[in-house]
Amino acid sequence: MAQHELSYTVVFEQNENGGYTVTVPTLPGLVTEGATIEEAKDMAREAITCYVEGLLMDGDSIPIERLVIHETLHVAVG
C-alpha cells in the first residue's frame, strides 16, 4: 500500500497535573495525553495513525482538513 502524508490541526491543552491533553478537531473522538509536550506530540502522531488506519480497514474515507485559520485574540475587559 502506498503511503500518504496527511496534516491535521492538533490542539494541546495543559491539564491540572502538568501534562497535556491532545485533541484533533477533524478526527472526532480522538483524544490522547502526554506528560510533556514532546510526549503529547508523539502520542498524537500514533493516535492519528491508528485512527486513519482503522478508517481504511473499515473502508471509510479519510477526513481531509479544510483550511482553518487560528488566531489568538487578546481583549481588555473592565
N, C-alpha and C. Protein backbone atom coordinates (compact mmCIF):
# COMPACT_ATOMS: atom_id res chain seq x y z
N MET A 1 0.84 -1.17 0.00
CA MET A 1 0.00 0.00 0.00
C MET A 1 0.89 1.24 0.00
N ALA A 2 0.56 2.22 -0.80
CA ALA A 2 1.32 3.47 -0.86
C ALA A 2 1.08 4.29 0.40
N GLN A 3 2.11 5.00 0.82
CA GLN A 3 1.97 5.86 1.99
C GLN A 3 1.60 7.26 1.53
N HIS A 4 0.76 7.91 2.33
CA HIS A 4 0.38 9.29 2.08
C HIS A 4 0.72 10.10 3.31
N GLU A 5 1.09 11.34 3.10
CA GLU A 5 1.34 12.23 4.22
C GLU A 5 0.12 13.11 4.43
N LEU A 6 -0.41 13.11 5.64
CA LEU A 6 -1.58 13.90 5.98
C LEU A 6 -1.20 14.93 7.02
N SER A 7 -1.90 16.05 7.03
CA SER A 7 -1.67 17.10 8.03
C SER A 7 -2.98 17.41 8.74
N TYR A 8 -2.92 17.51 10.05
CA TYR A 8 -4.10 17.84 10.84
C TYR A 8 -3.73 18.87 11.90
N THR A 9 -4.67 19.75 12.20
CA THR A 9 -4.52 20.67 13.32
C THR A 9 -4.69 19.87 14.60
N VAL A 10 -3.77 20.05 15.52
CA VAL A 10 -3.77 19.33 16.79
C VAL A 10 -3.83 20.37 17.90
N VAL A 11 -4.72 20.15 18.89
CA VAL A 11 -4.90 21.09 19.99
C VAL A 11 -4.30 20.48 21.26
N PHE A 12 -3.37 21.20 21.87
CA PHE A 12 -2.73 20.77 23.11
C PHE A 12 -3.25 21.65 24.25
N GLU A 13 -3.84 21.02 25.25
CA GLU A 13 -4.32 21.76 26.41
C GLU A 13 -3.60 21.25 27.64
N GLN A 14 -2.97 22.17 28.38
CA GLN A 14 -2.28 21.75 29.59
C GLN A 14 -3.32 21.39 30.63
N ASN A 15 -3.16 20.22 31.26
CA ASN A 15 -4.13 19.82 32.27
C ASN A 15 -3.58 20.11 33.67
N GLU A 16 -4.41 19.89 34.66
CA GLU A 16 -4.06 20.31 36.03
C GLU A 16 -2.85 19.58 36.62
N ASN A 17 -2.50 18.38 36.13
CA ASN A 17 -1.32 17.70 36.67
C ASN A 17 -0.06 17.99 35.86
N GLY A 18 -0.11 18.99 34.99
CA GLY A 18 1.08 19.41 34.26
C GLY A 18 1.27 18.76 32.91
N GLY A 19 0.53 17.70 32.64
CA GLY A 19 0.62 17.05 31.33
C GLY A 19 -0.24 17.77 30.30
N TYR A 20 -0.39 17.15 29.14
CA TYR A 20 -1.15 17.76 28.06
C TYR A 20 -2.19 16.78 27.51
N THR A 21 -3.38 17.29 27.31
CA THR A 21 -4.45 16.54 26.65
C THR A 21 -4.47 17.01 25.21
N VAL A 22 -4.58 16.06 24.28
CA VAL A 22 -4.50 16.38 22.86
C VAL A 22 -5.79 15.95 22.17
N THR A 23 -6.34 16.84 21.34
CA THR A 23 -7.48 16.52 20.50
C THR A 23 -7.18 16.95 19.07
N VAL A 24 -7.91 16.34 18.13
CA VAL A 24 -7.77 16.66 16.72
C VAL A 24 -9.18 16.95 16.21
N PRO A 25 -9.54 18.22 16.03
CA PRO A 25 -10.91 18.56 15.67
C PRO A 25 -11.46 17.84 14.43
N THR A 26 -10.62 17.56 13.45
CA THR A 26 -11.08 16.90 12.22
C THR A 26 -11.35 15.42 12.42
N LEU A 27 -10.83 14.83 13.50
CA LEU A 27 -11.00 13.41 13.77
C LEU A 27 -11.80 13.24 15.06
N PRO A 28 -13.13 13.25 14.97
CA PRO A 28 -13.99 13.22 16.15
C PRO A 28 -13.68 12.04 17.06
N GLY A 29 -13.61 12.33 18.35
CA GLY A 29 -13.38 11.29 19.34
C GLY A 29 -11.93 10.98 19.61
N LEU A 30 -11.01 11.54 18.83
CA LEU A 30 -9.60 11.27 19.05
C LEU A 30 -9.10 12.15 20.20
N VAL A 31 -8.70 11.50 21.28
CA VAL A 31 -8.15 12.19 22.45
C VAL A 31 -6.99 11.35 22.95
N THR A 32 -5.88 12.00 23.26
CA THR A 32 -4.74 11.31 23.85
C THR A 32 -4.07 12.26 24.81
N GLU A 33 -3.05 11.80 25.52
CA GLU A 33 -2.36 12.63 26.50
C GLU A 33 -0.87 12.33 26.51
N GLY A 34 -0.12 13.26 27.06
CA GLY A 34 1.30 13.06 27.27
C GLY A 34 1.76 13.86 28.48
N ALA A 35 2.77 13.36 29.17
CA ALA A 35 3.28 14.04 30.37
C ALA A 35 4.03 15.33 30.01
N THR A 36 4.64 15.36 28.82
CA THR A 36 5.35 16.55 28.34
C THR A 36 4.78 16.89 26.96
N ILE A 37 5.11 18.06 26.46
CA ILE A 37 4.62 18.46 25.13
C ILE A 37 5.19 17.52 24.07
N GLU A 38 6.44 17.11 24.21
CA GLU A 38 7.04 16.20 23.22
C GLU A 38 6.36 14.83 23.26
N GLU A 39 6.10 14.33 24.46
CA GLU A 39 5.39 13.05 24.58
C GLU A 39 3.98 13.17 24.01
N ALA A 40 3.33 14.30 24.26
CA ALA A 40 1.98 14.52 23.74
C ALA A 40 1.99 14.54 22.21
N LYS A 41 3.02 15.14 21.61
CA LYS A 41 3.14 15.15 20.14
C LYS A 41 3.33 13.72 19.61
N ASP A 42 4.18 12.95 20.27
CA ASP A 42 4.40 11.56 19.85
C ASP A 42 3.11 10.75 19.97
N MET A 43 2.40 10.93 21.07
CA MET A 43 1.14 10.22 21.28
C MET A 43 0.10 10.63 20.23
N ALA A 44 0.10 11.92 19.86
CA ALA A 44 -0.83 12.40 18.85
C ALA A 44 -0.54 11.76 17.49
N ARG A 45 0.73 11.70 17.12
CA ARG A 45 1.10 11.06 15.85
C ARG A 45 0.63 9.61 15.82
N GLU A 46 0.88 8.89 16.91
CA GLU A 46 0.48 7.49 16.99
C GLU A 46 -1.04 7.34 16.94
N ALA A 47 -1.75 8.20 17.67
CA ALA A 47 -3.21 8.12 17.70
C ALA A 47 -3.82 8.45 16.33
N ILE A 48 -3.27 9.44 15.65
CA ILE A 48 -3.77 9.80 14.32
C ILE A 48 -3.54 8.65 13.35
N THR A 49 -2.36 8.06 13.40
CA THR A 49 -2.05 6.92 12.53
C THR A 49 -3.03 5.77 12.75
N CYS A 50 -3.26 5.43 14.01
CA CYS A 50 -4.20 4.34 14.33
C CYS A 50 -5.62 4.67 13.89
N TYR A 51 -6.03 5.92 14.09
CA TYR A 51 -7.37 6.37 13.72
C TYR A 51 -7.57 6.21 12.20
N VAL A 52 -6.62 6.74 11.44
CA VAL A 52 -6.73 6.70 9.98
C VAL A 52 -6.63 5.26 9.46
N GLU A 53 -5.72 4.46 10.01
CA GLU A 53 -5.62 3.06 9.59
C GLU A 53 -6.92 2.30 9.88
N GLY A 54 -7.56 2.61 11.01
CA GLY A 54 -8.85 1.99 11.33
C GLY A 54 -9.92 2.36 10.32
N LEU A 55 -9.94 3.63 9.91
CA LEU A 55 -10.89 4.05 8.88
C LEU A 55 -10.67 3.29 7.58
N LEU A 56 -9.40 3.18 7.18
CA LEU A 56 -9.07 2.48 5.94
C LEU A 56 -9.48 1.00 6.01
N MET A 57 -9.23 0.36 7.16
CA MET A 57 -9.60 -1.05 7.32
C MET A 57 -11.11 -1.25 7.23
N ASP A 58 -11.87 -0.25 7.70
CA ASP A 58 -13.33 -0.32 7.65
C ASP A 58 -13.90 0.13 6.30
N GLY A 59 -13.01 0.58 5.39
CA GLY A 59 -13.47 1.04 4.09
C GLY A 59 -14.05 2.44 4.10
N ASP A 60 -13.80 3.18 5.19
CA ASP A 60 -14.31 4.56 5.29
C ASP A 60 -13.33 5.54 4.66
N SER A 61 -13.82 6.71 4.32
CA SER A 61 -12.94 7.73 3.75
C SER A 61 -12.16 8.42 4.86
N ILE A 62 -11.01 8.94 4.50
CA ILE A 62 -10.15 9.65 5.44
C ILE A 62 -10.55 11.13 5.44
N PRO A 63 -10.86 11.68 6.61
CA PRO A 63 -11.20 13.11 6.66
C PRO A 63 -10.01 13.97 6.24
N ILE A 64 -10.27 14.90 5.37
CA ILE A 64 -9.25 15.84 4.93
C ILE A 64 -9.59 17.19 5.56
N GLU A 65 -8.61 17.79 6.18
CA GLU A 65 -8.84 19.03 6.89
C GLU A 65 -9.01 20.20 5.92
N ARG A 66 -10.02 21.01 6.19
CA ARG A 66 -10.20 22.26 5.45
C ARG A 66 -9.23 23.28 6.00
N LEU A 67 -8.97 24.29 5.21
CA LEU A 67 -8.12 25.38 5.68
C LEU A 67 -8.85 26.10 6.81
N VAL A 68 -8.22 26.13 7.96
CA VAL A 68 -8.78 26.82 9.12
C VAL A 68 -7.71 27.77 9.62
N ILE A 69 -8.09 29.01 9.81
CA ILE A 69 -7.15 30.00 10.31
C ILE A 69 -7.39 30.15 11.80
N HIS A 70 -6.34 29.91 12.58
CA HIS A 70 -6.42 30.05 14.03
C HIS A 70 -5.65 31.29 14.42
N GLU A 71 -6.28 32.07 15.26
CA GLU A 71 -5.62 33.27 15.74
C GLU A 71 -6.04 33.50 17.18
N THR A 72 -5.11 33.93 18.00
CA THR A 72 -5.43 34.27 19.38
C THR A 72 -5.72 35.76 19.44
N LEU A 73 -6.88 36.10 19.97
CA LEU A 73 -7.24 37.50 20.12
C LEU A 73 -7.18 37.88 21.59
N HIS A 74 -6.59 39.00 21.88
CA HIS A 74 -6.49 39.50 23.25
C HIS A 74 -7.49 40.63 23.40
N VAL A 75 -8.28 40.60 24.45
CA VAL A 75 -9.28 41.63 24.68
C VAL A 75 -9.11 42.19 26.09
N ALA A 76 -9.44 43.46 26.25
CA ALA A 76 -9.41 44.10 27.57
C ALA A 76 -10.83 44.11 28.11
N VAL A 77 -10.97 43.70 29.35
CA VAL A 77 -12.28 43.67 29.98
C VAL A 77 -12.24 44.53 31.22
N GLY A 78 -13.29 45.34 31.38
CA GLY A 78 -13.39 46.14 32.61
C GLY A 78 -12.80 47.45 32.52
